[in-house]
Amino acid sequence: MGVKPDGGRVVLPSRGSGAGWEALFLFPMASGLKPRYRSHYSFFMFFQSLLPRPEIGANSFLFDFDGTRVVIDSGMHPKYTGSEALPLHEPLGFDALDGIILTHAHLDHLGSLPLLQRRHPRTPVFLSEGTAHLADIMLHNSVNVMTSQSEELGLTGYPLFTHDEVNEATRQWSLRGLRKGFEIGDRGVRATFFDAGHVLGAVGVQFDTPMGTVLHSGDVNFEEQSIATAADFPRTGVDTLVLEATRGDAPRDPEYTRQREALRLAAVIRETLRRGGSVLIPVFALGKSQEMLILLHQLVKAGEIPSAPVFLGGLSTKVSATYDELTHRSRRLHQGFSLLRELPDLQFSARPRRGKSRSAMQYHPGAIYALSSGMMSENTVSNEFAFHFLANPANSLCFVGYADPDSPAGRIKNTPQGYPVRLNENREPVLLNCPVETFDFSGHSDREGLRSYARDLKPRRIILVHGDPPALQWFQRTLSEDMPECEVTIAMPDTPIPLF
C-alpha cells in the first residue's frame, strides 16, 4: 500500500506516491500501530465514512482522535445482500479499536455489529439502555430473516452471524446514561450521550478531546412525536458537528403542523372505512409502529376516527413490549402508558411457519394494518400483504415516513393510480387501484430544523453524512451561505476529513 512500519513509527507516502489517502490513514489501523504524535495540522485527528457508497445504508463512521479510535454504528444496507450490504470494516484490521458506539437500533445502523465485534472481540460497545434492549431483539430477528433468505433465495454464506454469536456479542455491551460522560481509551477522550429524539434509546454523541469538541448527531429529531420527545442536544461549545442530512431534499410546507397532518390522516381513514375498505400503513417495526399506535389511539379518543381493529406484525409487537417495559425508565411522552395493554382494538399477526410466506396476515374490510417494513422491502409483511391489497379501489395506502426511491414503496409513490407496479423483482407486477397518500410523520428533523440548530451552534466545521446526494448538496450549499466562516464538507467513502 505504500506505507510501512519502521522502528515503531509510521512512514507516510508522499501525495504523489499513488498509495491513496486510504493508505495514509487506514494502514496504521490494519497494522495495529497507533500514532503517538500530533502533526501541526492535527493530521491524525480525523473522521472517515466507512460506507461503501455515498448513500443512506450501511452506516458506520470512524473517529480517530490522535490514535484513540472509535467506530460509531455498524449498519447493514437493506437493499443489498452479502458483502455488498456491509460497511468497509476490513481496513480497520483486528483488535485495533478503543471503542464502538451504537447510536440506535435501526438495522441500517446496527445490522453488522456482530461482524464488527468478531473482528474486535475485546473492544467495548457503548450504548443506551433502550438501544441495548432493542438491539438484542433486532439482531436475533435479523438472524431469522437471513436464515429464511438462505432457504428461500439460495443465498450462500447466510446467515452472516448466528443467534449464539449475538448472545456472545452482548457480553461486550456497556450501558451508559444520558449526559453522563465516560472515558474511551487512555488518552483523554471523553464521550457523552444526548437524547436524539429519534426512537427509543437513540442518542447523539459528544466527544471532548484535548484538541477540541466533536458532536455526532446520529439520526436526530428536534420535534416531539407521539412518544419520542424532542432531541436534547448541546447548544454551545462544539467545534466540529457531524450532521445527518436525511431530509435535505424534502422541503416542508410552511403551513405544516403535526396536528394538521394527523387530521389529514384521520380524514383518509374515515373515508376509507366508510366505503368498506381497509387502510395499510407501512411502518418500521422499531419506532414508527409505536408512534402510529399512539397517534391512532389519540385520534379514536378525539372522535376523529371510529374504533377499528388495528393489525400489527410480530416484530412490531416485540418492540412495543420493550417500549412498555421501559415506559418509566426512558425519556418519552405518555410515561406509564402500555401500548399492548391499553389499546383494546389491537390485534397481532400469527407467527408464520418455516417455509411459508412471512405474511400470515389475512385481509379484513374495515381494519387498519400497521405492517413492517416501512419501505415495503421484498419478502416483508407489508410487501406480501400489498399483493392482495393494492388492486382493491376501496382500500387506501398511507405512507408515513421515508422511502428510498428504488424501494417498492418508492416505486408505488411514483406509479399513477390504475397502472401496474412491481413489488418483487421475481413476481409479476400488480395493479395499483387503491388511492395512495403520503404524510409527514418522519422520525428525522426536517431540513430547516437542522439548519437552525447548526446556525445556533456555530461550529467551525460541519461534516455532512446520512443523506442522498441531493440532500447532502442542499445542506452544503445552504449552510455555507449561512455560515461563510464555517467549513462544510460532505463525507465521502475512503476520504478522511480532518476534525480540527
Protein backbone atom coordinates (compact mmCIF):
# COMPACT_ATOMS: atom_id res chain seq x y z
CA MET A 1 0.00 0.00 0.00
CA GLY A 2 2.99 2.31 0.05
CA VAL A 3 3.08 2.59 3.86
CA LYS A 4 5.24 0.53 6.13
CA PRO A 5 6.18 0.49 9.81
CA ASP A 6 9.78 1.50 10.53
CA GLY A 7 11.14 1.23 14.03
CA GLY A 8 7.73 1.68 15.66
CA ARG A 9 6.74 4.73 13.65
CA VAL A 10 4.58 5.11 10.56
CA VAL A 11 6.29 6.00 7.29
CA LEU A 12 3.82 8.01 5.22
CA PRO A 13 3.78 8.05 1.43
CA SER A 14 4.06 11.28 -0.48
CA ARG A 15 0.89 12.71 -2.03
CA GLY A 16 2.10 11.59 -5.46
CA SER A 17 3.08 8.05 -4.48
CA GLY A 18 -0.19 6.53 -5.68
CA ALA A 19 -0.84 4.96 -2.26
CA GLY A 20 -4.03 6.98 -1.83
CA TRP A 21 -5.47 8.74 1.17
CA GLU A 22 -6.97 5.50 2.43
CA ALA A 23 -3.46 4.10 2.73
CA LEU A 24 -2.28 7.18 4.55
CA PHE A 25 -4.94 6.94 7.18
CA LEU A 26 -6.09 3.34 7.32
CA PHE A 27 -2.78 1.49 7.30
CA PRO A 28 -1.97 2.28 10.94
CA MET A 29 -5.22 0.52 11.88
CA ALA A 30 -4.51 -2.51 9.72
CA SER A 31 -1.02 -2.81 11.19
CA GLY A 32 -2.20 -2.26 14.76
CA LEU A 33 0.07 0.79 15.12
CA LYS A 34 -1.26 3.80 16.98
CA PRO A 35 0.41 7.08 16.04
CA ARG A 36 1.79 8.71 19.21
CA TYR A 37 2.30 12.17 17.82
CA ARG A 38 0.18 15.03 16.60
CA SER A 39 1.14 16.98 13.48
CA HIS A 40 0.85 20.76 13.23
CA TYR A 41 -2.43 20.28 11.34
CA SER A 42 -3.81 17.51 13.55
CA PHE A 43 -3.30 15.06 10.69
CA PHE A 44 -4.31 12.14 12.87
CA MET A 45 -7.43 13.76 14.27
CA PHE A 46 -9.81 12.73 11.53
CA PHE A 47 -13.23 11.43 10.58
CA GLN A 48 -13.94 8.87 7.89
CA SER A 49 -17.10 7.40 6.46
CA LEU A 50 -16.92 3.61 6.26
CA LEU A 51 -19.93 3.36 3.95
CA PRO A 52 -19.23 1.52 0.68
CA ARG A 53 -21.29 4.06 -1.30
CA PRO A 54 -22.32 7.70 -0.80
CA GLU A 55 -25.90 6.98 0.26
CA ILE A 56 -28.02 6.10 3.28
CA GLY A 57 -27.46 2.43 4.09
CA ALA A 58 -24.68 0.56 5.84
CA ASN A 59 -23.96 3.41 8.23
CA SER A 60 -20.62 3.27 10.04
CA PHE A 61 -18.11 6.02 10.82
CA LEU A 62 -14.58 6.14 12.17
CA PHE A 63 -13.28 8.82 14.52
CA ASP A 64 -9.53 8.83 15.12
CA PHE A 65 -8.53 11.15 17.96
CA ASP A 66 -4.75 11.04 17.60
CA GLY A 67 -4.69 7.25 17.95
CA THR A 68 -7.82 6.74 20.04
CA ARG A 69 -10.11 5.05 17.51
CA VAL A 70 -13.86 4.92 17.88
CA VAL A 71 -16.35 3.48 15.38
CA ILE A 72 -19.89 4.82 15.56
CA ASP A 73 -22.55 2.40 14.32
CA SER A 74 -22.24 -0.73 12.21
CA GLY A 75 -25.17 -0.98 9.85
CA MET A 76 -26.39 -3.25 7.09
CA HIS A 77 -27.87 -1.89 3.85
CA PRO A 78 -31.47 -3.09 3.36
CA LYS A 79 -31.22 -3.10 -0.46
CA TYR A 80 -28.23 -5.44 -0.75
CA THR A 81 -27.10 -8.86 0.45
CA GLY A 82 -23.80 -10.38 1.50
CA SER A 83 -20.68 -8.22 1.45
CA GLU A 84 -22.48 -5.59 -0.67
CA ALA A 85 -24.65 -4.78 2.34
CA LEU A 86 -21.77 -4.22 4.77
CA PRO A 87 -19.59 -1.26 5.76
CA LEU A 88 -15.91 -1.13 4.82
CA HIS A 89 -14.52 -2.58 8.04
CA GLU A 90 -11.69 -4.71 6.66
CA PRO A 91 -9.07 -1.90 6.63
CA LEU A 92 -9.64 -1.39 10.35
CA GLY A 93 -7.69 -4.57 10.98
CA PHE A 94 -8.25 -6.74 14.06
CA ASP A 95 -8.49 -5.73 17.71
CA ALA A 96 -7.46 -2.19 16.79
CA LEU A 97 -10.34 -0.11 18.17
CA ASP A 98 -10.69 1.60 21.54
CA GLY A 99 -14.47 1.77 21.46
CA ILE A 100 -17.60 1.12 19.44
CA ILE A 101 -20.69 3.27 19.95
CA LEU A 102 -24.20 2.37 18.81
CA THR A 103 -26.48 5.39 18.38
CA HIS A 104 -29.73 3.42 18.00
CA ALA A 105 -31.13 0.06 16.97
CA HIS A 106 -32.33 0.52 13.40
CA LEU A 107 -30.67 -2.11 11.23
CA ASP A 108 -29.03 0.42 8.91
CA HIS A 109 -27.01 1.44 11.98
CA LEU A 110 -26.93 -1.91 13.83
CA GLY A 111 -27.17 -4.83 11.40
CA SER A 112 -23.47 -5.73 11.05
CA LEU A 113 -22.45 -5.10 14.67
CA PRO A 114 -21.75 -8.80 15.47
CA LEU A 115 -19.40 -8.91 12.47
CA LEU A 116 -17.53 -5.82 13.66
CA GLN A 117 -17.31 -7.31 17.16
CA ARG A 118 -16.00 -10.54 15.65
CA ARG A 119 -13.03 -8.53 14.33
CA HIS A 120 -12.61 -6.56 17.58
CA PRO A 121 -13.61 -9.01 20.34
CA ARG A 122 -12.03 -7.05 23.18
CA THR A 123 -13.50 -3.68 22.26
CA PRO A 124 -16.32 -2.39 24.50
CA VAL A 125 -19.57 -1.37 22.84
CA PHE A 126 -21.22 1.65 24.44
CA LEU A 127 -24.97 2.20 24.07
CA SER A 128 -28.05 3.35 25.97
CA GLU A 129 -30.32 1.01 27.92
CA GLY A 130 -33.17 1.37 25.44
CA THR A 131 -30.89 0.65 22.49
CA ALA A 132 -29.45 -2.42 24.21
CA HIS A 133 -32.90 -3.96 24.73
CA LEU A 134 -34.00 -3.18 21.19
CA ALA A 135 -30.71 -4.17 19.52
CA ASP A 136 -30.94 -7.65 21.05
CA ILE A 137 -34.43 -8.09 19.54
CA MET A 138 -33.49 -6.66 16.15
CA LEU A 139 -30.31 -8.72 15.76
CA HIS A 140 -32.00 -12.01 16.65
CA ASN A 141 -34.78 -11.17 14.20
CA SER A 142 -32.11 -10.42 11.58
CA VAL A 143 -30.69 -13.93 12.05
CA ASN A 144 -34.18 -15.34 11.40
CA VAL A 145 -34.59 -13.19 8.28
CA MET A 146 -31.18 -14.15 6.91
CA THR A 147 -31.90 -17.82 7.57
CA SER A 148 -35.14 -17.53 5.60
CA GLN A 149 -33.30 -15.71 2.81
CA SER A 150 -30.80 -18.55 2.66
CA GLU A 151 -33.58 -21.11 2.33
CA GLU A 152 -35.91 -19.20 0.02
CA LEU A 153 -33.44 -17.30 -2.18
CA GLY A 154 -30.50 -19.69 -2.06
CA LEU A 155 -28.09 -17.10 -0.65
CA THR A 156 -24.77 -18.67 0.25
CA GLY A 157 -22.97 -17.78 3.46
CA TYR A 158 -26.21 -16.83 5.21
CA PRO A 159 -26.90 -16.12 7.96
CA LEU A 160 -23.86 -13.83 8.32
CA PHE A 161 -23.92 -14.48 12.08
CA THR A 162 -25.84 -16.76 14.44
CA HIS A 163 -28.06 -16.46 17.49
CA ASP A 164 -25.20 -17.71 19.65
CA GLU A 165 -22.92 -15.02 18.24
CA VAL A 166 -25.49 -12.34 19.04
CA ASN A 167 -25.69 -13.64 22.60
CA GLU A 168 -21.90 -13.59 22.87
CA ALA A 169 -21.68 -10.08 21.39
CA THR A 170 -23.99 -8.66 24.05
CA ARG A 171 -21.43 -9.57 26.73
CA GLN A 172 -19.27 -6.67 25.47
CA TRP A 173 -22.11 -4.15 25.62
CA SER A 174 -21.69 -1.42 28.20
CA LEU A 175 -24.74 0.69 29.04
CA ARG A 176 -24.39 4.46 29.53
CA GLY A 177 -26.93 7.06 30.61
CA LEU A 178 -27.73 10.45 29.13
CA ARG A 179 -25.45 13.39 29.94
CA LYS A 180 -23.08 11.18 31.95
CA GLY A 181 -19.61 11.34 30.43
CA PHE A 182 -17.36 8.29 30.17
CA GLU A 183 -13.77 7.72 29.08
CA ILE A 184 -12.77 5.90 25.91
CA GLY A 185 -9.18 4.70 25.81
CA ASP A 186 -6.48 6.26 27.97
CA ARG A 187 -5.60 9.43 26.07
CA GLY A 188 -8.10 12.00 27.31
CA VAL A 189 -11.11 11.25 25.10
CA ARG A 190 -14.44 11.58 26.89
CA ALA A 191 -17.82 10.71 25.35
CA THR A 192 -21.29 11.86 26.44
CA PHE A 193 -24.70 10.70 25.21
CA PHE A 194 -27.54 13.13 24.48
CA ASP A 195 -31.14 12.20 23.68
CA ALA A 196 -31.58 12.36 19.87
CA GLY A 197 -35.40 12.29 19.85
CA HIS A 198 -35.47 9.72 17.02
CA VAL A 199 -36.61 6.41 18.55
CA LEU A 200 -36.42 4.85 21.99
CA GLY A 201 -32.79 4.88 23.16
CA ALA A 202 -31.43 6.94 20.24
CA VAL A 203 -28.51 9.22 21.12
CA GLY A 204 -26.18 11.79 19.69
CA VAL A 205 -22.58 11.59 20.92
CA GLN A 206 -20.27 14.38 22.03
CA PHE A 207 -16.52 13.76 22.19
CA ASP A 208 -14.39 16.03 24.36
CA THR A 209 -10.73 15.72 23.40
CA PRO A 210 -7.53 17.64 24.16
CA MET A 211 -7.81 19.28 20.72
CA GLY A 212 -11.49 20.21 20.76
CA THR A 213 -15.10 19.03 20.94
CA VAL A 214 -16.97 16.99 18.31
CA LEU A 215 -20.71 16.27 18.22
CA HIS A 216 -22.06 13.40 16.11
CA SER A 217 -25.81 13.93 15.68
CA GLY A 218 -26.80 10.40 14.71
CA ASP A 219 -30.40 10.29 13.49
CA VAL A 220 -31.99 13.27 15.25
CA ASN A 221 -35.39 14.93 15.57
CA PHE A 222 -35.83 18.33 17.19
CA GLU A 223 -39.65 17.99 17.20
CA GLU A 224 -41.89 15.98 19.50
CA GLN A 225 -43.51 12.89 18.00
CA SER A 226 -46.31 10.82 19.53
CA ILE A 227 -43.97 9.11 22.02
CA ALA A 228 -40.47 10.46 21.41
CA THR A 229 -39.62 13.83 22.92
CA ALA A 230 -37.64 16.43 21.01
CA ALA A 231 -33.86 16.00 20.96
CA ASP A 232 -31.96 17.45 23.90
CA PHE A 233 -28.60 18.44 22.39
CA PRO A 234 -25.78 20.79 23.44
CA ARG A 235 -26.25 24.36 22.29
CA THR A 236 -22.70 25.69 22.72
CA GLY A 237 -19.08 24.58 22.87
CA VAL A 238 -18.91 22.34 19.77
CA ASP A 239 -16.00 22.79 17.35
CA THR A 240 -16.99 20.15 14.78
CA LEU A 241 -20.54 18.97 14.06
CA VAL A 242 -21.13 15.69 12.19
CA LEU A 243 -24.69 16.20 10.98
CA GLU A 244 -27.24 13.92 9.38
CA ALA A 245 -28.81 15.22 6.16
CA THR A 246 -31.65 12.75 5.52
CA ARG A 247 -34.32 15.30 4.62
CA GLY A 248 -32.19 17.88 2.84
CA ASP A 249 -34.03 17.26 -0.42
CA ALA A 250 -37.51 17.40 1.15
CA PRO A 251 -38.82 20.95 1.66
CA ARG A 252 -41.74 21.14 4.05
CA ASP A 253 -44.96 23.08 3.57
CA PRO A 254 -44.56 26.32 5.58
CA GLU A 255 -48.05 25.72 6.98
CA TYR A 256 -47.15 22.27 8.28
CA THR A 257 -48.11 21.25 11.80
CA ARG A 258 -48.12 17.71 13.16
CA GLN A 259 -51.72 18.15 14.34
CA ARG A 260 -52.86 19.22 10.88
CA GLU A 261 -51.12 16.19 9.37
CA ALA A 262 -52.82 13.91 11.91
CA LEU A 263 -56.24 15.32 10.99
CA ARG A 264 -55.48 14.77 7.30
CA LEU A 265 -54.65 11.12 8.06
CA ALA A 266 -57.85 10.82 10.08
CA ALA A 267 -59.90 12.06 7.12
CA VAL A 268 -58.39 9.40 4.83
CA ILE A 269 -59.06 6.66 7.40
CA ARG A 270 -62.68 7.78 7.93
CA GLU A 271 -63.43 7.87 4.21
CA THR A 272 -61.76 4.50 3.57
CA LEU A 273 -63.68 2.76 6.35
CA ARG A 274 -66.92 4.43 5.21
CA ARG A 275 -66.62 2.90 1.73
CA GLY A 276 -65.89 -0.55 3.19
CA GLY A 277 -62.17 -0.67 2.62
CA SER A 278 -59.13 -1.02 4.87
CA VAL A 279 -56.04 1.11 5.42
CA LEU A 280 -52.47 -0.15 5.04
CA ILE A 281 -49.79 1.92 6.81
CA PRO A 282 -46.29 0.53 6.09
CA VAL A 283 -44.16 1.17 9.17
CA PHE A 284 -40.75 0.34 10.54
CA ALA A 285 -41.12 -2.20 13.34
CA LEU A 286 -38.95 -0.03 15.58
CA GLY A 287 -40.16 3.48 16.21
CA LYS A 288 -42.77 4.18 13.55
CA SER A 289 -45.04 1.31 14.67
CA GLN A 290 -45.18 2.61 18.23
CA GLU A 291 -45.57 6.25 17.18
CA MET A 292 -48.51 5.37 14.92
CA LEU A 293 -50.22 3.23 17.55
CA ILE A 294 -50.28 6.14 19.98
CA LEU A 295 -51.44 8.50 17.24
CA LEU A 296 -54.29 6.19 16.21
CA HIS A 297 -55.29 5.86 19.86
CA GLN A 298 -55.39 9.65 20.20
CA LEU A 299 -57.50 10.03 17.06
CA VAL A 300 -60.04 7.49 18.34
CA LYS A 301 -60.22 9.25 21.73
CA ALA A 302 -60.75 12.60 19.99
CA GLY A 303 -63.58 11.17 17.87
CA GLU A 304 -61.67 11.80 14.64
CA ILE A 305 -61.77 8.13 13.53
CA PRO A 306 -64.04 5.26 14.54
CA SER A 307 -62.68 2.43 16.63
CA ALA A 308 -61.41 -0.26 14.26
CA PRO A 309 -59.23 -3.35 14.52
CA VAL A 310 -55.54 -2.45 14.21
CA PHE A 311 -53.36 -5.32 12.98
CA LEU A 312 -49.70 -5.31 13.99
CA GLY A 313 -46.86 -7.59 12.87
CA GLY A 314 -44.93 -9.90 15.18
CA LEU A 315 -41.65 -7.96 15.32
CA SER A 316 -43.53 -4.72 16.00
CA THR A 317 -45.20 -6.48 18.90
CA LYS A 318 -41.85 -7.48 20.45
CA VAL A 319 -40.54 -3.95 20.06
CA SER A 320 -43.72 -2.50 21.56
CA ALA A 321 -43.29 -4.77 24.57
CA THR A 322 -39.85 -3.18 25.13
CA TYR A 323 -41.36 0.29 24.89
CA ASP A 324 -43.82 -0.83 27.58
CA GLU A 325 -41.10 -2.38 29.74
CA LEU A 326 -39.10 0.86 29.73
CA THR A 327 -42.07 3.22 29.93
CA HIS A 328 -40.97 4.55 33.35
CA ARG A 329 -37.23 4.43 32.61
CA SER A 330 -36.98 6.34 29.34
CA ARG A 331 -37.28 9.97 28.34
CA ARG A 332 -40.61 9.92 26.49
CA LEU A 333 -44.14 11.24 26.27
CA HIS A 334 -47.00 9.25 27.84
CA GLN A 335 -44.86 7.70 30.55
CA GLY A 336 -46.65 4.77 32.12
CA PHE A 337 -48.83 4.11 29.08
CA SER A 338 -48.78 0.49 27.88
CA LEU A 339 -49.18 0.02 24.14
CA LEU A 340 -50.07 -3.65 24.41
CA ARG A 341 -52.43 -3.40 27.39
CA GLU A 342 -54.25 -0.12 26.80
CA LEU A 343 -55.15 -0.36 23.11
CA PRO A 344 -58.20 -2.70 23.16
CA ASP A 345 -58.60 -2.97 19.38
CA LEU A 346 -55.02 -4.03 18.77
CA GLN A 347 -54.59 -7.42 17.09
CA PHE A 348 -51.45 -9.32 16.18
CA SER A 349 -50.40 -11.43 13.23
CA ALA A 350 -49.75 -15.14 13.72
CA ARG A 351 -46.14 -16.28 13.56
CA PRO A 352 -45.58 -17.84 10.11
CA ARG A 353 -44.42 -21.41 9.79
CA ARG A 354 -40.95 -22.09 8.41
CA GLY A 355 -41.01 -22.29 4.65
CA LYS A 356 -44.24 -20.27 4.38
CA SER A 357 -44.64 -16.65 3.40
CA ARG A 358 -43.79 -14.23 6.18
CA SER A 359 -47.17 -12.64 5.57
CA ALA A 360 -49.54 -14.59 7.81
CA MET A 361 -51.94 -11.64 7.67
CA GLN A 362 -55.49 -12.17 6.42
CA TYR A 363 -57.36 -9.27 4.84
CA HIS A 364 -60.46 -7.95 6.65
CA PRO A 365 -62.52 -4.98 5.47
CA GLY A 366 -62.85 -2.11 7.92
CA ALA A 367 -59.42 -2.57 9.51
CA ILE A 368 -56.13 -0.70 9.86
CA TYR A 369 -52.91 -2.61 9.10
CA ALA A 370 -49.69 -1.16 10.54
CA LEU A 371 -47.22 -3.56 8.94
CA SER A 372 -43.44 -3.59 8.51
CA SER A 373 -41.38 -2.73 6.67
CA GLY A 374 -41.81 0.98 6.11
CA MET A 375 -40.21 0.80 2.65
CA MET A 376 -42.18 -2.37 1.83
CA SER A 377 -38.95 -4.22 1.08
CA GLU A 378 -39.27 -7.53 -0.74
CA ASN A 379 -40.36 -10.52 1.39
CA THR A 380 -41.53 -8.36 4.29
CA VAL A 381 -45.05 -8.48 5.75
CA SER A 382 -46.18 -5.17 4.21
CA ASN A 383 -44.82 -6.18 0.81
CA GLU A 384 -46.52 -9.57 0.79
CA PHE A 385 -49.79 -8.13 2.06
CA ALA A 386 -49.75 -5.47 -0.68
CA PHE A 387 -50.02 -8.11 -3.43
CA HIS A 388 -53.66 -8.68 -2.48
CA PHE A 389 -54.38 -5.19 -1.15
CA LEU A 390 -53.42 -2.70 -3.86
CA ALA A 391 -55.89 -3.91 -6.50
CA ASN A 392 -58.95 -3.08 -4.36
CA PRO A 393 -60.03 0.54 -5.02
CA ALA A 394 -61.92 0.63 -1.71
CA ASN A 395 -58.63 0.43 0.22
CA SER A 396 -56.12 3.19 0.95
CA LEU A 397 -52.32 3.03 1.27
CA CYS A 398 -50.81 5.64 3.60
CA PHE A 399 -47.06 6.29 3.74
CA VAL A 400 -45.89 7.98 6.93
CA GLY A 401 -42.08 8.03 6.63
CA TYR A 402 -39.03 7.93 4.40
CA ALA A 403 -38.92 5.59 1.40
CA ASP A 404 -35.89 5.05 -0.80
CA PRO A 405 -36.90 5.87 -4.40
CA ASP A 406 -35.66 2.44 -5.53
CA SER A 407 -37.60 0.53 -2.86
CA PRO A 408 -41.05 -0.96 -3.54
CA ALA A 409 -42.56 1.89 -1.52
CA GLY A 410 -40.68 4.40 -3.67
CA ARG A 411 -41.91 2.71 -6.84
CA ILE A 412 -45.51 2.80 -5.60
CA LYS A 413 -45.23 6.52 -4.84
CA ASN A 414 -44.11 7.14 -8.43
CA THR A 415 -46.81 4.97 -10.05
CA PRO A 416 -50.10 6.60 -11.13
CA GLN A 417 -53.31 5.00 -9.90
CA GLY A 418 -54.58 2.37 -12.32
CA TYR A 419 -51.13 1.35 -13.53
CA PRO A 420 -49.10 -1.79 -12.69
CA VAL A 421 -46.31 -1.62 -10.11
CA ARG A 422 -43.59 -4.16 -9.41
CA LEU A 423 -43.33 -5.16 -5.74
CA ASN A 424 -40.91 -8.03 -6.21
CA GLU A 425 -38.36 -8.50 -8.99
CA ASN A 426 -39.22 -12.20 -9.17
CA ARG A 427 -43.01 -11.79 -9.38
CA GLU A 428 -45.48 -10.22 -11.77
CA PRO A 429 -46.50 -6.58 -11.25
CA VAL A 430 -49.83 -5.81 -9.60
CA LEU A 431 -52.37 -3.12 -10.45
CA LEU A 432 -52.32 -0.09 -8.19
CA ASN A 433 -56.04 0.63 -7.97
CA CYS A 434 -56.26 1.98 -4.42
CA PRO A 435 -55.52 5.63 -3.54
CA VAL A 436 -52.03 6.38 -2.18
CA GLU A 437 -51.41 9.21 0.28
CA THR A 438 -48.16 10.44 1.85
CA PHE A 439 -47.90 12.02 5.30
CA ASP A 440 -45.05 13.69 7.15
CA PHE A 441 -44.55 11.87 10.44
CA SER A 442 -40.81 11.45 9.98
CA GLY A 443 -38.55 10.49 12.87
CA HIS A 444 -35.89 12.77 11.37
CA SER A 445 -35.76 16.53 11.76
CA ASP A 446 -36.85 18.49 8.74
CA ARG A 447 -34.08 20.37 6.99
CA GLU A 448 -34.97 23.78 8.43
CA GLY A 449 -34.77 22.36 11.97
CA LEU A 450 -31.28 21.01 11.33
CA ARG A 451 -30.26 24.22 9.61
CA SER A 452 -31.45 26.30 12.56
CA TYR A 453 -29.60 24.09 15.04
CA ALA A 454 -26.35 24.34 13.09
CA ARG A 455 -26.61 28.12 12.86
CA ASP A 456 -27.27 28.43 16.61
CA LEU A 457 -24.43 26.04 17.50
CA LYS A 458 -21.86 27.94 15.37
CA PRO A 459 -19.29 25.15 14.91
CA ARG A 460 -16.08 25.84 12.99
CA ARG A 461 -16.57 22.74 10.85
CA ILE A 462 -19.58 20.69 9.72
CA ILE A 463 -19.30 17.21 8.20
CA LEU A 464 -22.46 16.03 6.40
CA VAL A 465 -23.50 12.36 6.49
CA HIS A 466 -26.59 10.13 6.12
CA GLY A 467 -28.19 11.63 3.04
CA ASP A 468 -28.74 11.06 -0.64
CA PRO A 469 -26.57 13.28 -2.89
CA PRO A 470 -29.25 15.99 -3.47
CA ALA A 471 -29.89 16.20 0.29
CA LEU A 472 -26.19 16.49 1.10
CA GLN A 473 -25.68 19.11 -1.60
CA TRP A 474 -28.58 21.24 -0.32
CA PHE A 475 -27.10 21.29 3.18
CA GLN A 476 -23.59 22.05 1.95
CA ARG A 477 -24.78 24.93 -0.21
CA THR A 478 -27.21 26.38 2.34
CA LEU A 479 -25.01 26.09 5.43
CA SER A 480 -22.02 27.51 3.54
CA GLU A 481 -24.15 30.53 2.65
CA ASP A 482 -25.50 30.82 6.21
CA MET A 483 -22.09 30.49 7.86
CA PRO A 484 -19.29 31.54 5.50
CA GLU A 485 -16.76 31.21 8.32
CA CYS A 486 -17.66 27.51 8.76
CA GLU A 487 -16.09 24.78 6.60
CA VAL A 488 -18.88 22.48 5.38
CA THR A 489 -17.79 19.12 3.93
CA ILE A 490 -19.72 16.16 2.53
CA ALA A 491 -18.32 12.87 3.84
CA MET A 492 -17.39 10.52 1.02
CA PRO A 493 -16.25 6.88 1.29
CA ASP A 494 -12.47 6.42 1.55
CA THR A 495 -11.91 10.14 2.12
CA PRO A 496 -10.63 11.10 5.58
CA ILE A 497 -11.56 14.56 6.85
CA PRO A 498 -9.54 16.43 9.49
CA LEU A 499 -11.63 17.07 12.59
CA PHE A 500 -9.97 20.32 13.69
